[in-house]
Amino acid sequence: MQMTRYCNFTPLLAQPRQRSVRINGLATCLRLEEIYWRIIEEIARQESMTVGKLISRWALEIDLTQEAIHNFTGFIRIICVTQLLDKNHPISLNLIDPDASPHPLE
């Protein structure tokens, strides 16, 4: 079967990875697909902060703008997508190497 333009990526990017992070002083685990961790890591690099500090900032902003959060990881995914679409905060998809193996659990 021929590869399509929509599914031309390594399945490793869809593999979930659980990562322990401290969000505003509270230790928690987030389970996201590898592609989202790579996007988060790139945004954190661009902002010169750790992944935990970046997610903490997002959590505070979500608390300030949303009434109730039922799916925090869903909001994280949406933030990642909106950042990819944001012209003021470009993320090169070339940095997301489709041939690289996923990071080990941290």
N, C-alpha and C. Protein backbone atom coordinates (compact mmCIF):
# COMPACT_ATOMS: atom_id res chain seq x y z
N MET A 1 0.83 -1.18 0.00
CA MET A 1 0.00 0.00 0.00
C MET A 1 0.88 1.25 0.00
N GLN A 2 0.53 2.20 -0.82
CA GLN A 2 1.31 3.42 -0.95
C GLN A 2 1.05 4.37 0.23
N MET A 3 2.13 5.01 0.69
CA MET A 3 2.03 5.97 1.79
C MET A 3 1.28 7.21 1.31
N THR A 4 0.43 7.75 2.14
CA THR A 4 -0.31 8.94 1.78
C THR A 4 0.36 10.16 2.37
N ARG A 5 -0.07 11.31 1.97
CA ARG A 5 0.51 12.54 2.51
C ARG A 5 0.07 12.79 3.94
N TYR A 6 -1.02 12.18 4.37
CA TYR A 6 -1.52 12.41 5.73
C TYR A 6 -0.92 11.45 6.75
N CYS A 7 -0.48 10.32 6.33
CA CYS A 7 0.04 9.31 7.26
C CYS A 7 1.53 9.07 7.05
N ASN A 8 2.22 10.08 6.56
CA ASN A 8 3.64 9.96 6.28
C ASN A 8 4.46 10.35 7.51
N PHE A 9 4.38 9.55 8.56
CA PHE A 9 5.15 9.78 9.78
C PHE A 9 5.39 8.44 10.44
N THR A 10 6.36 8.41 11.31
CA THR A 10 6.64 7.19 12.03
C THR A 10 5.61 6.98 13.13
N PRO A 11 5.13 5.76 13.31
CA PRO A 11 4.17 5.49 14.38
C PRO A 11 4.71 5.79 15.78
N LEU A 12 6.02 5.91 15.92
CA LEU A 12 6.60 6.24 17.22
C LEU A 12 6.12 7.59 17.73
N LEU A 13 5.78 8.50 16.83
CA LEU A 13 5.29 9.81 17.24
C LEU A 13 3.92 9.74 17.90
N ALA A 14 3.19 8.68 17.64
CA ALA A 14 1.87 8.49 18.24
C ALA A 14 1.93 7.69 19.54
N GLN A 15 3.09 7.18 19.87
CA GLN A 15 3.24 6.36 21.08
C GLN A 15 3.12 7.23 22.33
N PRO A 16 2.24 6.85 23.26
CA PRO A 16 2.11 7.63 24.49
C PRO A 16 3.36 7.51 25.37
N ARG A 17 3.67 8.60 26.06
CA ARG A 17 4.78 8.59 27.01
C ARG A 17 4.31 9.31 28.26
N GLN A 18 4.52 8.68 29.38
CA GLN A 18 4.17 9.29 30.66
C GLN A 18 5.40 9.99 31.21
N ARG A 19 5.18 11.19 31.72
CA ARG A 19 6.29 11.98 32.24
C ARG A 19 5.86 12.65 33.53
N SER A 20 6.72 12.57 34.51
CA SER A 20 6.46 13.22 35.79
C SER A 20 6.90 14.67 35.70
N VAL A 21 5.99 15.57 36.06
CA VAL A 21 6.30 17.00 36.03
C VAL A 21 5.76 17.64 37.30
N ARG A 22 6.33 18.74 37.67
CA ARG A 22 5.86 19.50 38.82
C ARG A 22 5.13 20.72 38.26
N ILE A 23 3.83 20.80 38.53
CA ILE A 23 3.00 21.89 38.04
C ILE A 23 2.63 22.77 39.21
N ASN A 24 3.22 23.96 39.22
CA ASN A 24 2.98 24.92 40.30
C ASN A 24 3.15 24.28 41.68
N GLY A 25 4.24 23.53 41.82
CA GLY A 25 4.58 22.93 43.10
C GLY A 25 3.98 21.56 43.36
N LEU A 26 3.06 21.11 42.53
CA LEU A 26 2.40 19.83 42.72
C LEU A 26 2.97 18.81 41.74
N ALA A 27 3.52 17.72 42.25
CA ALA A 27 4.06 16.67 41.39
C ALA A 27 2.90 15.87 40.79
N THR A 28 2.97 15.64 39.49
CA THR A 28 1.93 14.89 38.80
C THR A 28 2.55 14.20 37.59
N CYS A 29 1.83 13.28 37.01
CA CYS A 29 2.27 12.61 35.79
C CYS A 29 1.31 12.98 34.66
N LEU A 30 1.87 13.27 33.52
CA LEU A 30 1.07 13.54 32.32
C LEU A 30 1.40 12.48 31.29
N ARG A 31 0.39 12.00 30.63
CA ARG A 31 0.58 11.01 29.56
C ARG A 31 0.14 11.65 28.25
N LEU A 32 1.12 11.89 27.40
CA LEU A 32 0.88 12.49 26.09
C LEU A 32 1.61 11.69 25.02
N GLU A 33 1.15 11.81 23.81
CA GLU A 33 1.85 11.18 22.70
C GLU A 33 3.20 11.85 22.50
N GLU A 34 4.14 11.10 21.98
CA GLU A 34 5.51 11.58 21.79
C GLU A 34 5.57 12.88 21.00
N ILE A 35 4.74 13.04 20.00
CA ILE A 35 4.76 14.26 19.19
C ILE A 35 4.50 15.49 20.06
N TYR A 36 3.59 15.37 21.02
CA TYR A 36 3.30 16.51 21.89
C TYR A 36 4.45 16.82 22.82
N TRP A 37 5.12 15.80 23.35
CA TRP A 37 6.29 16.06 24.21
C TRP A 37 7.37 16.78 23.42
N ARG A 38 7.56 16.41 22.17
CA ARG A 38 8.57 17.09 21.35
C ARG A 38 8.21 18.54 21.09
N ILE A 39 6.93 18.80 20.86
CA ILE A 39 6.48 20.18 20.66
C ILE A 39 6.68 20.98 21.95
N ILE A 40 6.29 20.41 23.08
CA ILE A 40 6.44 21.09 24.37
C ILE A 40 7.91 21.38 24.65
N GLU A 41 8.78 20.41 24.40
CA GLU A 41 10.21 20.60 24.62
C GLU A 41 10.76 21.73 23.75
N GLU A 42 10.29 21.83 22.52
CA GLU A 42 10.76 22.90 21.63
C GLU A 42 10.25 24.26 22.09
N ILE A 43 8.99 24.34 22.51
CA ILE A 43 8.47 25.61 23.02
C ILE A 43 9.24 26.02 24.27
N ALA A 44 9.50 25.07 25.17
CA ALA A 44 10.25 25.37 26.39
C ALA A 44 11.66 25.86 26.04
N ARG A 45 12.28 25.24 25.05
CA ARG A 45 13.62 25.68 24.62
C ARG A 45 13.57 27.10 24.11
N GLN A 46 12.57 27.42 23.29
CA GLN A 46 12.44 28.77 22.74
C GLN A 46 12.16 29.80 23.83
N GLU A 47 11.46 29.40 24.87
CA GLU A 47 11.12 30.30 25.98
C GLU A 47 12.19 30.31 27.07
N SER A 48 13.26 29.52 26.89
CA SER A 48 14.35 29.40 27.86
C SER A 48 13.84 29.00 29.24
N MET A 49 13.02 27.98 29.28
CA MET A 49 12.51 27.48 30.55
C MET A 49 12.41 25.96 30.49
N THR A 50 12.19 25.36 31.65
CA THR A 50 12.03 23.92 31.69
C THR A 50 10.62 23.55 31.24
N VAL A 51 10.46 22.28 30.89
CA VAL A 51 9.14 21.78 30.51
C VAL A 51 8.16 21.99 31.66
N GLY A 52 8.59 21.71 32.89
CA GLY A 52 7.71 21.88 34.05
C GLY A 52 7.26 23.32 34.24
N LYS A 53 8.19 24.26 34.09
CA LYS A 53 7.83 25.67 34.24
C LYS A 53 6.87 26.12 33.13
N LEU A 54 7.09 25.62 31.92
CA LEU A 54 6.21 25.97 30.82
C LEU A 54 4.80 25.44 31.06
N ILE A 55 4.69 24.17 31.45
CA ILE A 55 3.38 23.60 31.71
C ILE A 55 2.73 24.28 32.90
N SER A 56 3.52 24.68 33.90
CA SER A 56 2.97 25.44 35.03
C SER A 56 2.38 26.76 34.57
N ARG A 57 3.06 27.43 33.66
CA ARG A 57 2.55 28.70 33.12
C ARG A 57 1.22 28.46 32.41
N TRP A 58 1.18 27.40 31.61
CA TRP A 58 -0.05 27.07 30.90
C TRP A 58 -1.17 26.76 31.89
N ALA A 59 -0.87 26.01 32.96
CA ALA A 59 -1.89 25.65 33.95
C ALA A 59 -2.46 26.91 34.60
N LEU A 60 -1.60 27.87 34.92
CA LEU A 60 -2.09 29.13 35.51
C LEU A 60 -2.99 29.88 34.53
N GLU A 61 -2.57 29.94 33.28
CA GLU A 61 -3.39 30.63 32.28
C GLU A 61 -4.73 29.94 32.09
N ILE A 62 -4.72 28.61 32.09
CA ILE A 62 -5.97 27.86 31.95
C ILE A 62 -6.88 28.16 33.14
N ASP A 63 -6.31 28.17 34.35
CA ASP A 63 -7.10 28.48 35.55
C ASP A 63 -7.72 29.87 35.48
N LEU A 64 -7.00 30.82 34.89
CA LEU A 64 -7.50 32.19 34.80
C LEU A 64 -8.56 32.38 33.72
N THR A 65 -8.55 31.52 32.70
CA THR A 65 -9.43 31.76 31.55
C THR A 65 -10.57 30.75 31.39
N GLN A 66 -10.52 29.63 32.11
CA GLN A 66 -11.53 28.58 31.93
C GLN A 66 -12.30 28.39 33.23
N GLU A 67 -13.58 28.03 33.10
CA GLU A 67 -14.41 27.80 34.28
C GLU A 67 -14.04 26.49 34.97
N ALA A 68 -14.02 25.42 34.23
CA ALA A 68 -13.70 24.11 34.80
C ALA A 68 -12.91 23.30 33.78
N ILE A 69 -11.93 22.58 34.28
CA ILE A 69 -11.10 21.75 33.41
C ILE A 69 -11.41 20.29 33.70
N HIS A 70 -11.86 19.60 32.68
CA HIS A 70 -12.17 18.18 32.85
C HIS A 70 -11.10 17.30 32.19
N ASN A 71 -10.32 17.89 31.31
CA ASN A 71 -9.30 17.11 30.59
C ASN A 71 -8.07 18.00 30.40
N PHE A 72 -7.20 18.04 31.39
CA PHE A 72 -6.02 18.90 31.33
C PHE A 72 -5.11 18.53 30.17
N THR A 73 -4.88 17.24 29.94
CA THR A 73 -4.00 16.85 28.83
C THR A 73 -4.62 17.24 27.48
N GLY A 74 -5.94 17.25 27.40
CA GLY A 74 -6.59 17.73 26.18
C GLY A 74 -6.28 19.20 25.93
N PHE A 75 -6.29 20.01 27.00
CA PHE A 75 -5.93 21.42 26.88
C PHE A 75 -4.46 21.56 26.46
N ILE A 76 -3.60 20.72 27.00
CA ILE A 76 -2.18 20.76 26.62
C ILE A 76 -2.04 20.47 25.13
N ARG A 77 -2.77 19.48 24.63
CA ARG A 77 -2.72 19.17 23.20
C ARG A 77 -3.19 20.36 22.36
N ILE A 78 -4.26 21.01 22.79
CA ILE A 78 -4.79 22.16 22.06
C ILE A 78 -3.77 23.30 22.06
N ILE A 79 -3.14 23.54 23.20
CA ILE A 79 -2.11 24.58 23.25
C ILE A 79 -0.99 24.26 22.27
N CYS A 80 -0.56 23.00 22.20
CA CYS A 80 0.50 22.61 21.26
C CYS A 80 0.09 22.92 19.82
N VAL A 81 -1.12 22.55 19.46
CA VAL A 81 -1.59 22.79 18.09
C VAL A 81 -1.69 24.28 17.80
N THR A 82 -2.24 25.05 18.75
CA THR A 82 -2.36 26.49 18.50
C THR A 82 -0.98 27.14 18.40
N GLN A 83 0.00 26.64 19.14
CA GLN A 83 1.36 27.18 19.04
C GLN A 83 1.97 26.85 17.67
N LEU A 84 1.66 25.68 17.13
CA LEU A 84 2.14 25.35 15.79
C LEU A 84 1.54 26.29 14.75
N LEU A 85 0.31 26.71 14.97
CA LEU A 85 -0.37 27.60 14.03
C LEU A 85 -0.03 29.07 14.24
N ASP A 86 0.54 29.41 15.38
CA ASP A 86 0.84 30.79 15.75
C ASP A 86 2.06 31.30 14.98
N LYS A 87 1.87 32.34 14.23
CA LYS A 87 2.96 32.92 13.44
C LYS A 87 4.01 33.60 14.32
N ASN A 88 3.62 34.04 15.54
CA ASN A 88 4.56 34.70 16.44
C ASN A 88 5.42 33.73 17.22
N HIS A 89 5.09 32.47 17.17
CA HIS A 89 5.82 31.46 17.94
C HIS A 89 6.04 30.24 17.04
N PRO A 90 6.81 30.40 15.96
CA PRO A 90 6.93 29.30 15.00
C PRO A 90 7.72 28.13 15.58
N ILE A 91 7.25 26.95 15.26
CA ILE A 91 7.95 25.73 15.64
C ILE A 91 8.23 24.97 14.35
N SER A 92 9.48 24.72 14.11
CA SER A 92 9.85 24.01 12.90
C SER A 92 9.54 22.53 13.06
N LEU A 93 8.72 22.01 12.17
CA LEU A 93 8.43 20.59 12.22
C LEU A 93 9.66 19.76 11.85
N ASN A 94 10.67 20.40 11.27
CA ASN A 94 11.91 19.68 10.98
C ASN A 94 12.62 19.28 12.27
N LEU A 95 12.36 19.99 13.37
CA LEU A 95 12.95 19.64 14.65
C LEU A 95 12.34 18.39 15.22
N ILE A 96 11.17 18.04 14.73
CA ILE A 96 10.49 16.84 15.19
C ILE A 96 10.87 15.72 14.23
N ASP A 97 11.99 15.09 14.51
CA ASP A 97 12.57 14.08 13.63
C ASP A 97 11.71 12.82 13.63
N PRO A 98 11.05 12.51 12.51
CA PRO A 98 10.18 11.34 12.48
C PRO A 98 10.94 10.02 12.58
N ASP A 99 12.24 10.03 12.34
CA ASP A 99 13.01 8.80 12.40
C ASP A 99 13.67 8.57 13.75
N ALA A 100 13.58 9.56 14.64
CA ALA A 100 14.20 9.43 15.96
C ALA A 100 13.34 8.52 16.85
N SER A 101 14.00 7.80 17.70
CA SER A 101 13.25 6.95 18.64
C SER A 101 12.73 7.83 19.76
N PRO A 102 11.64 7.40 20.41
CA PRO A 102 11.10 8.22 21.49
C PRO A 102 12.06 8.29 22.66
N HIS A 103 11.92 9.36 23.43
CA HIS A 103 12.76 9.54 24.62
C HIS A 103 12.39 8.49 25.65
N PRO A 104 13.32 8.04 26.46
CA PRO A 104 12.97 7.12 27.53
C PRO A 104 12.10 7.84 28.56
N LEU A 105 11.39 7.06 29.32
CA LEU A 105 10.57 7.65 30.38
C LEU A 105 11.44 8.42 31.33
N GLU A 106 10.97 9.59 31.74
CA GLU A 106 11.75 10.44 32.65
C GLU A 106 11.10 10.50 34.00
